[in-house]
Amino acid sequence: MAKDRQLPDVQASAPDVSVGLSHVGVTGVEKLVTLEREGKRPVVLTAEFEVYVDLPRERKGIDMSRNMEVIDETLQSAVDEPTYQVEDVCGEAADRLLAKHDYTSRAVVSMEATYMTREETPESERATQGTIDIVASATAREGEETREEVGARVTGMTVCPCSQQMMSARAAEKLADLGVDEEDVKAFLQEVPQAGHSQRGHATLTVETAGTPGVNLMDLAEIAKESMSARIYNLAKRPDEDHMTYEAHANARFVEDCVRSMAEQVVESYDDLPGETVVTMRQSNDESIHQHNAHAERVAELGELREEVGD
């Protein structure tokens, strides 16, 4: 008799404090995601998911086990049928979440995964590997088309233009003291960029639209890499180190410059996307001569960016 007794649905009871919640769910859910590629072997990612729904003020809690159930069902579906885009996995999961929780009006699913890339060092042309962090999410709302977001977070190198300018002024003074002609000093400083303090930079670029964005993830990663002073590589022989150092100092950029570079490249690369496309651009630099770090970001619709870049 005890086994047949129906346990009370505590989650459906009224809370002690009647306040609605915007995000309730689970984090740190690790799953394998298989992405098909035409003419190539599939890519298997170890992805970490966050799964949320909103909770009305009259309900004590969500059905937490249903969130885990929907992730398992969705990823199994991704294995059974060809899936080519990580944002679609998030979109399908968000749609299922909304359907399974009849008391919610919004469901959010996000994921991150590390993707290994094959690269070649810039001077020694040695084969090496790199990593990018894939970032994807989806938001499903009642009566609206599910919005999907996809992008990448990459690592590079930046050099501070301010400290470089100070070093250039010092070099000009020393060369003048040595009797070097002023015009020769100018020519030398144009050809040989001076030292500046460097940072390891972390650039994030994502695109969000109603439905699938229809952009290539690797193209977004390339834009993010190009926004910084120089690329970095896991393997670097001395000629490669010289190349990266020179390139970075010849292209010194503030953290703000990196974000603006992403904005310019996105506008140039995606003239076919609707103006309502939401673009998120972030740059965070690990400072080398300060105990703090530098950060800049911009979240804007593509139409806004087109107007600003075009001015």
Protein backbone atom coordinates (compact mmCIF):
# COMPACT_ATOMS: atom_id res chain seq x y z
CA MET A 1 0.00 0.00 0.00
CA ALA A 2 2.82 2.42 0.87
CA LYS A 3 4.36 2.01 -2.59
CA ASP A 4 1.11 3.07 -4.29
CA ARG A 5 0.68 6.21 -2.22
CA GLN A 6 0.94 9.40 -4.33
CA LEU A 7 3.57 11.75 -2.96
CA PRO A 8 2.66 15.45 -2.80
CA ASP A 9 3.90 17.70 -5.62
CA VAL A 10 5.84 20.13 -3.44
CA GLN A 11 7.10 22.13 -6.45
CA ALA A 12 3.53 23.00 -7.45
CA SER A 13 2.64 24.38 -4.01
CA ALA A 14 2.58 28.09 -3.18
CA PRO A 15 5.89 29.62 -2.06
CA ASP A 16 6.34 31.35 1.29
CA VAL A 17 7.32 34.54 -0.58
CA SER A 18 5.24 35.20 -3.70
CA VAL A 19 7.92 36.48 -6.09
CA GLY A 20 8.44 35.30 -9.67
CA LEU A 21 11.91 34.21 -10.84
CA SER A 22 13.45 34.83 -14.27
CA HIS A 23 15.94 31.95 -14.36
CA VAL A 24 15.63 28.62 -12.56
CA GLY A 25 17.34 25.46 -13.76
CA VAL A 26 20.58 23.55 -13.86
CA THR A 27 24.19 24.41 -14.72
CA GLY A 28 27.34 22.42 -15.37
CA VAL A 29 25.58 19.71 -17.40
CA GLU A 30 28.26 17.96 -19.48
CA LYS A 31 27.21 16.05 -22.61
CA LEU A 32 28.77 14.81 -25.82
CA VAL A 33 27.51 16.61 -28.92
CA THR A 34 28.20 15.18 -32.39
CA LEU A 35 28.24 17.62 -35.31
CA GLU A 36 28.15 16.29 -38.85
CA ARG A 37 30.37 17.76 -41.60
CA GLU A 38 29.80 17.23 -45.29
CA GLY A 39 32.56 15.07 -46.73
CA LYS A 40 34.47 14.96 -43.43
CA ARG A 41 34.42 13.02 -40.22
CA PRO A 42 31.97 14.34 -37.62
CA VAL A 43 33.18 16.54 -34.78
CA VAL A 44 32.53 15.29 -31.25
CA LEU A 45 32.41 18.02 -28.60
CA THR A 46 32.35 17.77 -24.83
CA ALA A 47 29.86 20.53 -24.15
CA GLU A 48 28.71 22.11 -20.91
CA PHE A 49 25.08 23.22 -20.80
CA GLU A 50 23.04 25.63 -18.72
CA VAL A 51 19.27 25.10 -18.82
CA TYR A 52 16.71 27.55 -17.41
CA VAL A 53 13.02 28.37 -17.40
CA ASP A 54 11.18 31.22 -15.74
CA LEU A 55 9.00 30.54 -12.71
CA PRO A 56 5.69 32.27 -11.94
CA ARG A 57 5.20 33.84 -8.53
CA GLU A 58 2.49 31.38 -7.45
CA ARG A 59 4.69 28.26 -7.86
CA LYS A 60 7.31 27.09 -5.33
CA GLY A 61 9.68 25.38 -7.76
CA ILE A 62 10.23 23.91 -11.22
CA ASP A 63 10.26 20.24 -12.17
CA MET A 64 14.05 20.01 -12.11
CA SER A 65 14.23 16.44 -13.41
CA ARG A 66 12.38 17.50 -16.58
CA ASN A 67 15.26 19.85 -17.47
CA MET A 68 17.72 16.96 -17.34
CA GLU A 69 15.31 14.76 -19.25
CA VAL A 70 14.91 17.25 -22.09
CA ILE A 71 18.68 17.68 -22.48
CA ASP A 72 19.14 13.90 -22.71
CA GLU A 73 16.31 13.61 -25.25
CA THR A 74 17.62 16.48 -27.38
CA LEU A 75 21.20 15.26 -27.50
CA GLN A 76 20.06 11.76 -28.32
CA SER A 77 18.08 13.26 -31.20
CA ALA A 78 21.23 15.10 -32.31
CA VAL A 79 23.06 11.79 -32.45
CA ASP A 80 20.28 9.95 -34.26
CA GLU A 81 19.82 12.60 -36.98
CA PRO A 82 22.48 14.76 -38.68
CA THR A 83 23.11 18.02 -36.84
CA TYR A 84 25.41 20.61 -38.35
CA GLN A 85 25.09 23.63 -36.03
CA VAL A 86 25.45 23.83 -32.26
CA GLU A 87 22.91 26.64 -32.01
CA ASP A 88 20.25 24.31 -33.42
CA VAL A 89 20.91 21.85 -30.60
CA CYS A 90 20.25 24.68 -28.12
CA GLY A 91 17.17 25.78 -30.08
CA GLU A 92 15.63 22.32 -30.08
CA ALA A 93 16.29 21.94 -26.35
CA ALA A 94 14.72 25.33 -25.59
CA ASP A 95 11.60 24.46 -27.61
CA ARG A 96 11.24 21.14 -25.77
CA LEU A 97 11.69 22.83 -22.41
CA LEU A 98 8.90 25.27 -23.16
CA ALA A 99 6.62 22.43 -24.21
CA LYS A 100 7.34 20.33 -21.12
CA HIS A 101 6.79 23.12 -18.57
CA ASP A 102 3.24 24.38 -19.02
CA TYR A 103 3.67 27.04 -16.33
CA THR A 104 6.60 28.82 -18.01
CA SER A 105 6.68 31.49 -20.72
CA ARG A 106 10.41 31.43 -21.53
CA ALA A 107 13.13 28.77 -21.75
CA VAL A 108 16.86 29.43 -22.17
CA VAL A 109 19.56 26.91 -23.10
CA SER A 110 23.23 27.83 -23.45
CA MET A 111 26.34 25.77 -24.08
CA GLU A 112 30.09 26.14 -24.30
CA ALA A 113 32.60 23.69 -25.74
CA THR A 114 36.28 23.70 -26.63
CA TYR A 115 37.02 23.04 -30.30
CA MET A 116 40.49 21.98 -31.45
CA THR A 117 41.81 23.52 -34.66
CA ARG A 118 44.73 22.62 -36.90
CA GLU A 119 47.06 25.54 -37.60
CA GLU A 120 50.43 26.32 -39.14
CA THR A 121 53.01 28.58 -37.53
CA PRO A 122 53.53 31.84 -39.46
CA GLU A 123 57.25 31.57 -40.31
CA SER A 124 58.56 28.05 -39.62
CA GLU A 125 55.35 26.59 -41.11
CA ARG A 126 55.18 23.89 -38.46
CA ALA A 127 51.94 22.02 -37.87
CA THR A 128 50.34 22.83 -34.53
CA GLN A 129 46.96 22.87 -32.84
CA GLY A 130 44.91 25.65 -31.32
CA THR A 131 41.64 26.00 -29.46
CA ILE A 132 38.55 28.15 -29.68
CA ASP A 133 35.67 28.21 -27.24
CA ILE A 134 32.34 27.68 -28.97
CA VAL A 135 29.51 29.74 -27.47
CA ALA A 136 25.87 29.02 -28.35
CA SER A 137 22.46 29.66 -26.84
CA ALA A 138 18.75 29.77 -27.62
CA THR A 139 15.74 31.49 -26.06
CA ALA A 140 12.22 30.18 -26.66
CA ARG A 141 9.17 32.30 -25.77
CA GLU A 142 5.49 31.54 -26.05
CA GLY A 143 4.08 32.73 -29.37
CA GLU A 144 7.45 33.86 -30.78
CA GLU A 145 10.08 32.35 -33.03
CA THR A 146 12.97 30.89 -31.04
CA ARG A 147 16.06 33.09 -31.08
CA GLU A 148 19.44 31.41 -31.54
CA GLU A 149 22.92 32.73 -30.86
CA VAL A 150 26.29 31.38 -31.95
CA GLY A 151 29.84 32.61 -31.70
CA ALA A 152 33.36 32.03 -30.45
CA ARG A 153 35.81 33.17 -27.80
CA VAL A 154 39.46 33.21 -28.90
CA THR A 155 42.80 34.22 -27.43
CA GLY A 156 45.36 36.54 -28.97
CA MET A 157 47.89 39.26 -28.15
CA THR A 158 47.58 43.02 -27.85
CA VAL A 159 50.10 45.83 -27.32
CA CYS A 160 49.29 49.10 -25.57
CA PRO A 161 49.63 52.10 -27.94
CA CYS A 162 50.14 54.52 -25.03
CA SER A 163 53.21 52.80 -23.57
CA GLN A 164 54.54 52.28 -27.10
CA GLN A 165 54.27 56.01 -27.81
CA MET A 166 56.25 56.79 -24.65
CA MET A 167 58.98 54.36 -25.68
CA SER A 168 59.08 55.88 -29.18
CA ALA A 169 59.60 59.32 -27.65
CA ARG A 170 62.43 57.96 -25.49
CA ALA A 171 64.03 56.30 -28.53
CA ALA A 172 63.79 59.54 -30.54
CA GLU A 173 65.58 61.44 -27.76
CA LYS A 174 68.38 58.88 -27.52
CA LEU A 175 68.90 58.79 -31.27
CA ALA A 176 69.01 62.58 -31.38
CA ASP A 177 71.63 62.59 -28.61
CA LEU A 178 73.69 60.20 -30.75
CA GLY A 179 73.59 62.71 -33.61
CA VAL A 180 71.12 60.88 -35.84
CA ASP A 181 69.34 63.23 -38.25
CA GLU A 182 65.69 63.99 -37.37
CA GLU A 183 64.39 62.66 -40.69
CA ASP A 184 66.36 59.43 -40.22
CA VAL A 185 64.91 59.10 -36.73
CA LYS A 186 61.38 59.41 -38.09
CA ALA A 187 62.10 56.88 -40.85
CA PHE A 188 63.60 54.43 -38.36
CA LEU A 189 60.65 54.65 -35.96
CA GLN A 190 58.23 54.09 -38.85
CA GLU A 191 60.06 50.93 -39.88
CA VAL A 192 60.81 49.52 -36.43
CA PRO A 193 57.89 49.70 -33.98
CA GLN A 194 59.02 50.35 -30.45
CA ALA A 195 58.32 48.36 -27.32
CA GLY A 196 54.99 48.56 -25.51
CA HIS A 197 53.59 46.48 -22.71
CA SER A 198 51.70 43.49 -24.05
CA GLN A 199 48.61 41.61 -22.89
CA ARG A 200 46.99 38.29 -23.59
CA GLY A 201 43.63 39.19 -25.06
CA HIS A 202 40.33 37.30 -25.04
CA ALA A 203 37.91 38.26 -27.80
CA THR A 204 34.29 37.07 -27.88
CA LEU A 205 32.01 37.54 -30.88
CA THR A 206 28.45 36.20 -31.20
CA VAL A 207 25.54 36.72 -33.58
CA GLU A 208 21.89 36.26 -32.56
CA THR A 209 18.81 36.16 -34.79
CA ALA A 210 15.26 34.90 -34.83
CA GLY A 211 15.71 31.32 -36.02
CA THR A 212 19.12 30.02 -37.07
CA PRO A 213 21.67 32.82 -37.71
CA GLY A 214 23.05 31.09 -40.79
CA VAL A 215 26.64 32.19 -40.18
CA ASN A 216 29.80 30.10 -40.17
CA LEU A 217 31.20 29.65 -36.68
CA MET A 218 34.79 29.54 -37.91
CA ASP A 219 34.33 32.81 -39.80
CA LEU A 220 33.27 34.48 -36.54
CA ALA A 221 36.35 33.03 -34.84
CA GLU A 222 38.56 34.46 -37.62
CA ILE A 223 37.06 37.93 -37.18
CA ALA A 224 37.69 37.77 -33.43
CA LYS A 225 41.31 36.70 -33.97
CA GLU A 226 41.91 39.46 -36.52
CA SER A 227 40.58 42.11 -34.13
CA MET A 228 43.63 41.90 -31.85
CA SER A 229 47.20 43.04 -32.42
CA ALA A 230 48.49 39.57 -33.35
CA ARG A 231 47.60 35.90 -33.30
CA ILE A 232 49.34 33.51 -30.95
CA TYR A 233 50.28 29.86 -31.41
CA ASN A 234 50.87 26.91 -29.11
CA LEU A 235 54.08 26.05 -30.96
CA ALA A 236 56.52 28.82 -31.83
CA LYS A 237 60.09 28.56 -33.08
CA ARG A 238 62.31 31.65 -32.90
CA PRO A 239 61.27 32.95 -36.36
CA ASP A 240 57.62 32.59 -35.31
CA GLU A 241 58.27 34.48 -32.05
CA ASP A 242 59.92 37.26 -34.03
CA HIS A 243 56.97 37.37 -36.42
CA MET A 244 54.35 37.56 -33.66
CA THR A 245 56.28 40.17 -31.67
CA TYR A 246 56.83 42.41 -34.68
CA GLU A 247 53.25 42.04 -35.91
CA ALA A 248 51.80 42.86 -32.49
CA HIS A 249 53.92 45.99 -32.03
CA ALA A 250 53.25 47.13 -35.58
CA ASN A 251 49.53 46.89 -34.84
CA ALA A 252 49.23 48.21 -31.27
CA ARG A 253 45.61 48.37 -30.09
CA PHE A 254 43.69 49.41 -27.02
CA VAL A 255 41.00 47.08 -25.72
CA GLU A 256 38.48 49.51 -27.22
CA ASP A 257 40.16 49.27 -30.64
CA CYS A 258 39.66 45.51 -30.65
CA VAL A 259 35.90 45.81 -30.15
CA ARG A 260 35.64 48.47 -32.85
CA SER A 261 37.65 46.27 -35.21
CA MET A 262 35.16 43.44 -34.66
CA ALA A 263 32.30 45.83 -35.40
CA GLU A 264 33.90 46.98 -38.66
CA GLN A 265 34.64 43.44 -39.82
CA VAL A 266 31.13 42.21 -38.99
CA VAL A 267 29.59 45.04 -41.01
CA GLU A 268 31.88 44.27 -43.96
CA SER A 269 31.33 40.50 -43.80
CA TYR A 270 27.57 40.20 -43.20
CA ASP A 271 25.71 42.55 -45.50
CA ASP A 272 23.12 39.80 -46.04
CA LEU A 273 21.99 39.56 -42.40
CA PRO A 274 18.90 41.52 -41.29
CA GLY A 275 19.39 44.78 -39.43
CA GLU A 276 17.69 43.30 -36.34
CA THR A 277 20.54 40.81 -35.89
CA VAL A 278 22.06 41.28 -32.43
CA VAL A 279 25.86 41.33 -32.37
CA THR A 280 27.79 40.92 -29.10
CA MET A 281 31.47 41.94 -29.09
CA ARG A 282 33.67 41.66 -25.99
CA GLN A 283 37.38 42.12 -25.41
CA SER A 284 39.12 41.37 -22.10
CA ASN A 285 42.88 41.80 -21.71
CA ASP A 286 45.06 40.29 -18.99
CA GLU A 287 47.29 43.22 -18.13
CA SER A 288 51.03 42.62 -17.77
CA ILE A 289 52.03 45.76 -15.80
CA HIS A 290 48.85 46.24 -13.75
CA GLN A 291 47.08 44.07 -11.19
CA HIS A 292 43.75 44.81 -12.88
CA ASN A 293 42.54 43.79 -16.32
CA ALA A 294 41.01 45.83 -19.15
CA HIS A 295 37.57 45.20 -20.65
CA ALA A 296 35.39 46.69 -23.39
CA GLU A 297 32.23 45.49 -25.06
CA ARG A 298 29.33 46.47 -27.28
CA VAL A 299 25.96 44.78 -27.81
CA ALA A 300 24.03 46.27 -30.71
CA GLU A 301 21.76 45.50 -33.61
CA LEU A 302 23.59 45.12 -36.91
CA GLY A 303 21.62 48.01 -38.38
CA GLU A 304 23.04 50.35 -35.72
CA LEU A 305 26.57 49.19 -36.41
CA ARG A 306 26.12 49.72 -40.15
CA GLU A 307 25.11 53.32 -39.56
CA GLU A 308 27.99 54.01 -37.17
CA VAL A 309 30.70 52.32 -39.24
CA GLY A 310 29.41 54.05 -42.38
CA ASP A 311 29.65 57.57 -40.91
